[in-house]
Amino acid sequence: MATKPGIAAPLIAAVSPADIQRAKEAAVAAYTEAYTPIHPVKTAAGQVLMCWFGRVDNAYDALARAEGEKRAMIQGAVEDLGRRAKVATNAAEQAVSDYTAKCLAANQVPDEISAPRCECDGCQSASYRQRYWSAVQTVREAMMDLFLPEFAGDQVPKLLGLSDEETAAGIRALKDACQGLVDMSEQPIDWMEVIR
């Protein structure tokens, strides 16, 4: 192939089916390492398997409960786990990218390689906290819809300017939001914290 002066001809190496298969296996292995619960972790309930992100979340839980020197030690462990989790996920993404590139070089469509939804204790705990704080936010928004002034600078809560129907609808929304939080919560609710 003729090229313009100063521009190198593209180097396209032949990619064998075995090269593609090895790249796919490497990508699957990297995804397994990064996103599945294969890492043993000691917890109050005994030893369990967690994924990298579950381990990080578990470490943050321990950090929240720790005090003094133990807190500093756990903070270091949290940071280390976070770095290691990032290395594992970057390696997984790079392995998938390498596999995809080999498939494309061979004019093949790559199989999808993706992370399964992890159900390890750490991921379940993180998912619960996300749902909990989302429900808390829904309660807070329903309260603000009733009690904050409608416009900046107003001195009167919006509630005082609502019709009876709008007031009833606002109270119903607040009641539904509170009930939603009660229904999903797995622990006693600190209502003073909710309304802060």
C-alpha atoms as a PDB file:
ATOM      1  CA  MET A   1       0.000   0.000   0.000  1.00  0.00           C
ATOM      2  CA  ALA A   2       1.330   3.407  -0.935  1.00  0.00           C
ATOM      3  CA  THR A   3       1.552   6.007   1.779  1.00  0.00           C
ATOM      4  CA  LYS A   4       2.243   9.696   1.789  1.00  0.00           C
ATOM      5  CA  PRO A   5       5.755  10.706   2.768  1.00  0.00           C
ATOM      6  CA  GLY A   6       6.131  10.980   6.541  1.00  0.00           C
ATOM      7  CA  ILE A   7       3.070   8.817   7.286  1.00  0.00           C
ATOM      8  CA  ALA A   8       3.660   5.227   8.281  1.00  0.00           C
ATOM      9  CA  ALA A   9       1.497   2.504   6.806  1.00  0.00           C
ATOM     10  CA  PRO A  10      -0.906   1.034   9.380  1.00  0.00           C
ATOM     11  CA  LEU A  11       0.287  -2.177  10.919  1.00  0.00           C
ATOM     12  CA  ILE A  12      -2.528  -4.709  10.981  1.00  0.00           C
ATOM     13  CA  ALA A  13      -1.483  -7.984  12.476  1.00  0.00           C
ATOM     14  CA  ALA A  14      -3.506 -11.070  11.766  1.00  0.00           C
ATOM     15  CA  VAL A  15      -5.657 -12.058  14.721  1.00  0.00           C
ATOM     16  CA  SER A  16      -6.294 -15.750  15.114  1.00  0.00           C
ATOM     17  CA  PRO A  17      -9.395 -17.315  16.668  1.00  0.00           C
ATOM     18  CA  ALA A  18      -7.117 -18.530  19.476  1.00  0.00           C
ATOM     19  CA  ASP A  19      -5.990 -14.911  20.114  1.00  0.00           C
ATOM     20  CA  ILE A  20      -9.624 -13.833  20.355  1.00  0.00           C
ATOM     21  CA  GLN A  21     -10.503 -16.717  22.669  1.00  0.00           C
ATOM     22  CA  ARG A  22      -7.547 -15.943  24.975  1.00  0.00           C
ATOM     23  CA  ALA A  23      -8.526 -12.265  25.062  1.00  0.00           C
ATOM     24  CA  LYS A  24     -12.132 -13.173  25.865  1.00  0.00           C
ATOM     25  CA  GLU A  25     -11.045 -15.524  28.665  1.00  0.00           C
ATOM     26  CA  ALA A  26      -8.779 -12.804  30.067  1.00  0.00           C
ATOM     27  CA  ALA A  27     -11.661 -10.302  29.976  1.00  0.00           C
ATOM     28  CA  VAL A  28     -14.053 -12.705  31.726  1.00  0.00           C
ATOM     29  CA  ALA A  29     -11.414 -13.466  34.370  1.00  0.00           C
ATOM     30  CA  ALA A  30     -10.737  -9.758  34.932  1.00  0.00           C
ATOM     31  CA  TYR A  31     -14.468  -9.038  35.267  1.00  0.00           C
ATOM     32  CA  THR A  32     -14.822 -11.918  37.716  1.00  0.00           C
ATOM     33  CA  GLU A  33     -11.955 -10.535  39.800  1.00  0.00           C
ATOM     34  CA  ALA A  34     -13.352  -7.006  39.757  1.00  0.00           C
ATOM     35  CA  TYR A  35     -17.084  -7.492  40.115  1.00  0.00           C
ATOM     36  CA  THR A  36     -17.983 -10.806  41.764  1.00  0.00           C
ATOM     37  CA  PRO A  37     -17.926 -11.800  45.435  1.00  0.00           C
ATOM     38  CA  ILE A  38     -14.792 -13.936  45.564  1.00  0.00           C
ATOM     39  CA  HIS A  39     -12.848 -12.117  48.291  1.00  0.00           C
ATOM     40  CA  PRO A  40     -13.153 -13.490  51.856  1.00  0.00           C
ATOM     41  CA  VAL A  41     -13.940 -10.830  54.477  1.00  0.00           C
ATOM     42  CA  LYS A  42     -14.239 -11.249  58.245  1.00  0.00           C
ATOM     43  CA  THR A  43     -17.424  -9.682  59.589  1.00  0.00           C
ATOM     44  CA  ALA A  44     -19.357  -9.854  62.854  1.00  0.00           C
ATOM     45  CA  ALA A  45     -21.412 -12.622  61.225  1.00  0.00           C
ATOM     46  CA  GLY A  46     -18.308 -14.640  60.334  1.00  0.00           C
ATOM     47  CA  GLN A  47     -16.355 -14.917  57.119  1.00  0.00           C
ATOM     48  CA  VAL A  48     -18.266 -13.988  53.953  1.00  0.00           C
ATOM     49  CA  LEU A  49     -17.368 -13.436  50.322  1.00  0.00           C
ATOM     50  CA  MET A  50     -17.577  -9.929  48.905  1.00  0.00           C
ATOM     51  CA  CYS A  51     -16.709  -8.145  45.682  1.00  0.00           C
ATOM     52  CA  TRP A  52     -14.231  -5.265  45.725  1.00  0.00           C
ATOM     53  CA  PHE A  53     -16.955  -2.643  46.095  1.00  0.00           C
ATOM     54  CA  GLY A  54     -18.639  -4.659  48.836  1.00  0.00           C
ATOM     55  CA  ARG A  55     -15.327  -4.768  50.670  1.00  0.00           C
ATOM     56  CA  VAL A  56     -14.941  -1.001  50.325  1.00  0.00           C
ATOM     57  CA  ASP A  57     -18.484  -0.439  51.595  1.00  0.00           C
ATOM     58  CA  ASN A  58     -17.899  -2.823  54.501  1.00  0.00           C
ATOM     59  CA  ALA A  59     -14.732  -0.899  55.385  1.00  0.00           C
ATOM     60  CA  TYR A  60     -16.660   2.397  55.339  1.00  0.00           C
ATOM     61  CA  ASP A  61     -19.180   0.850  57.752  1.00  0.00           C
ATOM     62  CA  ALA A  62     -16.332  -0.102  60.081  1.00  0.00           C
ATOM     63  CA  LEU A  63     -14.847   3.387  59.727  1.00  0.00           C
ATOM     64  CA  ALA A  64     -18.154   4.990  60.745  1.00  0.00           C
ATOM     65  CA  ARG A  65     -18.158   2.956  63.972  1.00  0.00           C
ATOM     66  CA  ALA A  66     -14.452   3.349  64.791  1.00  0.00           C
ATOM     67  CA  GLU A  67     -12.909   5.851  67.171  1.00  0.00           C
ATOM     68  CA  GLY A  68      -9.430   7.126  67.958  1.00  0.00           C
ATOM     69  CA  GLU A  69      -6.383   5.264  66.672  1.00  0.00           C
ATOM     70  CA  LYS A  70      -8.530   2.479  65.264  1.00  0.00           C
ATOM     71  CA  ARG A  71     -10.283   5.038  63.059  1.00  0.00           C
ATOM     72  CA  ALA A  72      -6.979   6.178  61.541  1.00  0.00           C
ATOM     73  CA  MET A  73      -5.975   2.567  60.875  1.00  0.00           C
ATOM     74  CA  ILE A  74      -9.303   1.782  59.223  1.00  0.00           C
ATOM     75  CA  GLN A  75      -9.132   5.008  57.175  1.00  0.00           C
ATOM     76  CA  GLY A  76      -5.864   3.760  55.677  1.00  0.00           C
ATOM     77  CA  ALA A  77      -7.437   0.385  54.915  1.00  0.00           C
ATOM     78  CA  VAL A  78     -10.437   2.067  53.255  1.00  0.00           C
ATOM     79  CA  GLU A  79      -8.144   4.122  51.028  1.00  0.00           C
ATOM     80  CA  ASP A  80      -6.060   1.047  50.155  1.00  0.00           C
ATOM     81  CA  LEU A  81      -9.166  -1.004  49.321  1.00  0.00           C
ATOM     82  CA  GLY A  82     -10.482   1.837  47.178  1.00  0.00           C
ATOM     83  CA  ARG A  83      -7.225   1.975  45.200  1.00  0.00           C
ATOM     84  CA  ARG A  84      -7.165  -1.809  44.768  1.00  0.00           C
ATOM     85  CA  ALA A  85     -10.819  -1.841  43.645  1.00  0.00           C
ATOM     86  CA  LYS A  86     -10.021   0.865  41.083  1.00  0.00           C
ATOM     87  CA  VAL A  87      -7.036  -1.117  39.781  1.00  0.00           C
ATOM     88  CA  ALA A  88      -9.219  -4.227  39.428  1.00  0.00           C
ATOM     89  CA  THR A  89     -12.005  -2.379  37.586  1.00  0.00           C
ATOM     90  CA  ASN A  90      -9.527  -0.594  35.314  1.00  0.00           C
ATOM     91  CA  ALA A  91      -7.914  -3.957  34.488  1.00  0.00           C
ATOM     92  CA  ALA A  92     -11.356  -5.413  33.697  1.00  0.00           C
ATOM     93  CA  GLU A  93     -12.257  -2.521  31.405  1.00  0.00           C
ATOM     94  CA  GLN A  94      -8.867  -2.737  29.670  1.00  0.00           C
ATOM     95  CA  ALA A  95      -9.239  -6.494  29.165  1.00  0.00           C
ATOM     96  CA  VAL A  96     -12.673  -5.998  27.593  1.00  0.00           C
ATOM     97  CA  SER A  97     -11.265  -3.235  25.402  1.00  0.00           C
ATOM     98  CA  ASP A  98      -8.423  -5.519  24.274  1.00  0.00           C
ATOM     99  CA  TYR A  99     -10.861  -8.332  23.507  1.00  0.00           C
ATOM    100  CA  THR A 100     -13.124  -5.965  21.552  1.00  0.00           C
ATOM    101  CA  ALA A 101     -10.179  -4.620  19.572  1.00  0.00           C
ATOM    102  CA  LYS A 102      -9.069  -8.133  18.602  1.00  0.00           C
ATOM    103  CA  CYS A 103     -12.610  -9.015  17.499  1.00  0.00           C
ATOM    104  CA  LEU A 104     -12.883  -5.864  15.409  1.00  0.00           C
ATOM    105  CA  ALA A 105      -9.455  -6.459  13.867  1.00  0.00           C
ATOM    106  CA  ALA A 106     -10.700  -9.902  12.802  1.00  0.00           C
ATOM    107  CA  ASN A 107     -13.978  -8.388  11.556  1.00  0.00           C
ATOM    108  CA  GLN A 108     -15.987 -10.199  14.249  1.00  0.00           C
ATOM    109  CA  VAL A 109     -18.669  -8.958  16.594  1.00  0.00           C
ATOM    110  CA  PRO A 110     -17.485  -9.333  20.206  1.00  0.00           C
ATOM    111  CA  ASP A 111     -19.659 -11.076  22.766  1.00  0.00           C
ATOM    112  CA  GLU A 112     -20.909  -8.780  25.506  1.00  0.00           C
ATOM    113  CA  ILE A 113     -18.908  -9.041  28.695  1.00  0.00           C
ATOM    114  CA  SER A 114     -20.471  -7.195  31.573  1.00  0.00           C
ATOM    115  CA  ALA A 115     -20.623  -7.219  35.334  1.00  0.00           C
ATOM    116  CA  PRO A 116     -23.449  -9.177  36.914  1.00  0.00           C
ATOM    117  CA  ARG A 117     -25.448  -7.492  39.654  1.00  0.00           C
ATOM    118  CA  CYS A 118     -23.578  -8.325  42.833  1.00  0.00           C
ATOM    119  CA  GLU A 119     -25.583  -9.541  45.813  1.00  0.00           C
ATOM    120  CA  CYS A 120     -22.748  -9.752  48.341  1.00  0.00           C
ATOM    121  CA  ASP A 121     -23.353  -8.412  51.859  1.00  0.00           C
ATOM    122  CA  GLY A 122     -21.420  -5.214  51.161  1.00  0.00           C
ATOM    123  CA  CYS A 123     -23.344  -4.429  47.978  1.00  0.00           C
ATOM    124  CA  GLN A 124     -26.669  -5.229  49.646  1.00  0.00           C
ATOM    125  CA  SER A 125     -25.773  -2.908  52.517  1.00  0.00           C
ATOM    126  CA  ALA A 126     -24.826  -0.120  50.106  1.00  0.00           C
ATOM    127  CA  SER A 127     -28.016  -0.648  48.109  1.00  0.00           C
ATOM    128  CA  TYR A 128     -30.103  -0.505  51.284  1.00  0.00           C
ATOM    129  CA  ARG A 129     -28.453   2.766  52.370  1.00  0.00           C
ATOM    130  CA  GLN A 130     -29.092   4.272  48.932  1.00  0.00           C
ATOM    131  CA  ARG A 131     -32.773   3.322  49.117  1.00  0.00           C
ATOM    132  CA  TYR A 132     -33.027   4.556  52.716  1.00  0.00           C
ATOM    133  CA  TRP A 133     -31.531   7.991  52.011  1.00  0.00           C
ATOM    134  CA  SER A 134     -33.601   8.313  48.847  1.00  0.00           C
ATOM    135  CA  ALA A 135     -36.735   7.671  50.946  1.00  0.00           C
ATOM    136  CA  VAL A 136     -35.530  10.219  53.526  1.00  0.00           C
ATOM    137  CA  GLN A 137     -35.050  12.743  50.741  1.00  0.00           C
ATOM    138  CA  THR A 138     -38.599  12.094  49.504  1.00  0.00           C
ATOM    139  CA  VAL A 139     -39.933  12.875  53.019  1.00  0.00           C
ATOM    140  CA  ARG A 140     -37.843  16.054  53.200  1.00  0.00           C
ATOM    141  CA  GLU A 141     -39.037  17.218  49.781  1.00  0.00           C
ATOM    142  CA  ALA A 142     -42.671  16.614  50.731  1.00  0.00           C
ATOM    143  CA  MET A 143     -42.124  18.671  53.902  1.00  0.00           C
ATOM    144  CA  MET A 144     -40.423  21.462  51.997  1.00  0.00           C
ATOM    145  CA  ASP A 145     -43.300  21.542  49.514  1.00  0.00           C
ATOM    146  CA  LEU A 146     -45.596  22.413  52.411  1.00  0.00           C
ATOM    147  CA  PHE A 147     -43.479  24.508  54.757  1.00  0.00           C
ATOM    148  CA  LEU A 148     -40.964  26.507  52.744  1.00  0.00           C
ATOM    149  CA  PRO A 149     -42.071  29.830  51.330  1.00  0.00           C
ATOM    150  CA  GLU A 150     -43.115  29.625  47.715  1.00  0.00           C
ATOM    151  CA  PHE A 151     -40.763  32.412  46.627  1.00  0.00           C
ATOM    152  CA  ALA A 152     -37.389  33.528  47.939  1.00  0.00           C
ATOM    153  CA  GLY A 153     -37.880  36.401  50.337  1.00  0.00           C
ATOM    154  CA  ASP A 154     -41.395  35.360  51.338  1.00  0.00           C
ATOM    155  CA  GLN A 155     -41.922  35.199  55.104  1.00  0.00           C
ATOM    156  CA  VAL A 156     -44.940  32.925  54.996  1.00  0.00           C
ATOM    157  CA  PRO A 157     -44.829  29.142  54.482  1.00  0.00           C
ATOM    158  CA  LYS A 158     -46.388  27.933  51.269  1.00  0.00           C
ATOM    159  CA  LEU A 159     -48.920  25.932  53.336  1.00  0.00           C
ATOM    160  CA  LEU A 160     -50.722  29.112  54.398  1.00  0.00           C
ATOM    161  CA  GLY A 161     -51.434  30.058  50.795  1.00  0.00           C
ATOM    162  CA  LEU A 162     -52.749  26.676  49.663  1.00  0.00           C
ATOM    163  CA  SER A 163     -56.375  25.785  49.073  1.00  0.00           C
ATOM    164  CA  ASP A 164     -57.924  23.035  51.197  1.00  0.00           C
ATOM    165  CA  GLU A 165     -57.519  20.587  48.305  1.00  0.00           C
ATOM    166  CA  GLU A 166     -53.848  21.546  47.791  1.00  0.00           C
ATOM    167  CA  THR A 167     -53.233  21.269  51.542  1.00  0.00           C
ATOM    168  CA  ALA A 168     -54.831  17.817  51.622  1.00  0.00           C
ATOM    169  CA  ALA A 169     -52.767  16.734  48.609  1.00  0.00           C
ATOM    170  CA  GLY A 170     -49.567  18.021  50.247  1.00  0.00           C
ATOM    171  CA  ILE A 171     -50.306  16.264  53.527  1.00  0.00           C
ATOM    172  CA  ARG A 172     -51.169  13.073  51.627  1.00  0.00           C
ATOM    173  CA  ALA A 173     -47.824  13.291  49.791  1.00  0.00           C
ATOM    174  CA  LEU A 174     -45.999  13.769  53.097  1.00  0.00           C
ATOM    175  CA  LYS A 175     -47.898  10.893  54.711  1.00  0.00           C
ATOM    176  CA  ASP A 176     -47.135   8.613  51.728  1.00  0.00           C
ATOM    177  CA  ALA A 177     -43.452   9.580  51.848  1.00  0.00           C
ATOM    178  CA  CYS A 178     -43.297   8.821  55.595  1.00  0.00           C
ATOM    179  CA  GLN A 179     -45.069   5.499  55.070  1.00  0.00           C
ATOM    180  CA  GLY A 180     -42.647   4.634  52.255  1.00  0.00           C
ATOM    181  CA  LEU A 181     -39.718   5.231  54.586  1.00  0.00           C
ATOM    182  CA  VAL A 182     -41.301   3.136  57.359  1.00  0.00           C
ATOM    183  CA  ASP A 183     -42.063   0.301  54.921  1.00  0.00           C
ATOM    184  CA  MET A 184     -38.528   0.066  53.558  1.00  0.00           C
ATOM    185  CA  SER A 185     -36.566   0.693  56.746  1.00  0.00           C
ATOM    186  CA  GLU A 186     -34.946  -2.309  58.398  1.00  0.00           C
ATOM    187  CA  GLN A 187     -34.137  -0.388  61.563  1.00  0.00           C
ATOM    188  CA  PRO A 188     -35.739   2.156  63.909  1.00  0.00           C
ATOM    189  CA  ILE A 189     -35.981   5.557  62.236  1.00  0.00           C
ATOM    190  CA  ASP A 190     -34.489   8.655  63.860  1.00  0.00           C
ATOM    191  CA  TRP A 191     -37.203  11.104  62.789  1.00  0.00           C
ATOM    192  CA  MET A 192     -35.255  14.104  64.097  1.00  0.00           C
ATOM    193  CA  GLU A 193     -32.465  13.166  61.695  1.00  0.00           C
ATOM    194  CA  VAL A 194     -35.006  12.738  58.875  1.00  0.00           C
ATOM    195  CA  ILE A 195     -36.445  16.230  59.271  1.00  0.00           C
ATOM    196  CA  ARG A 196     -33.099  18.030  59.625  1.00  0.00           C
END
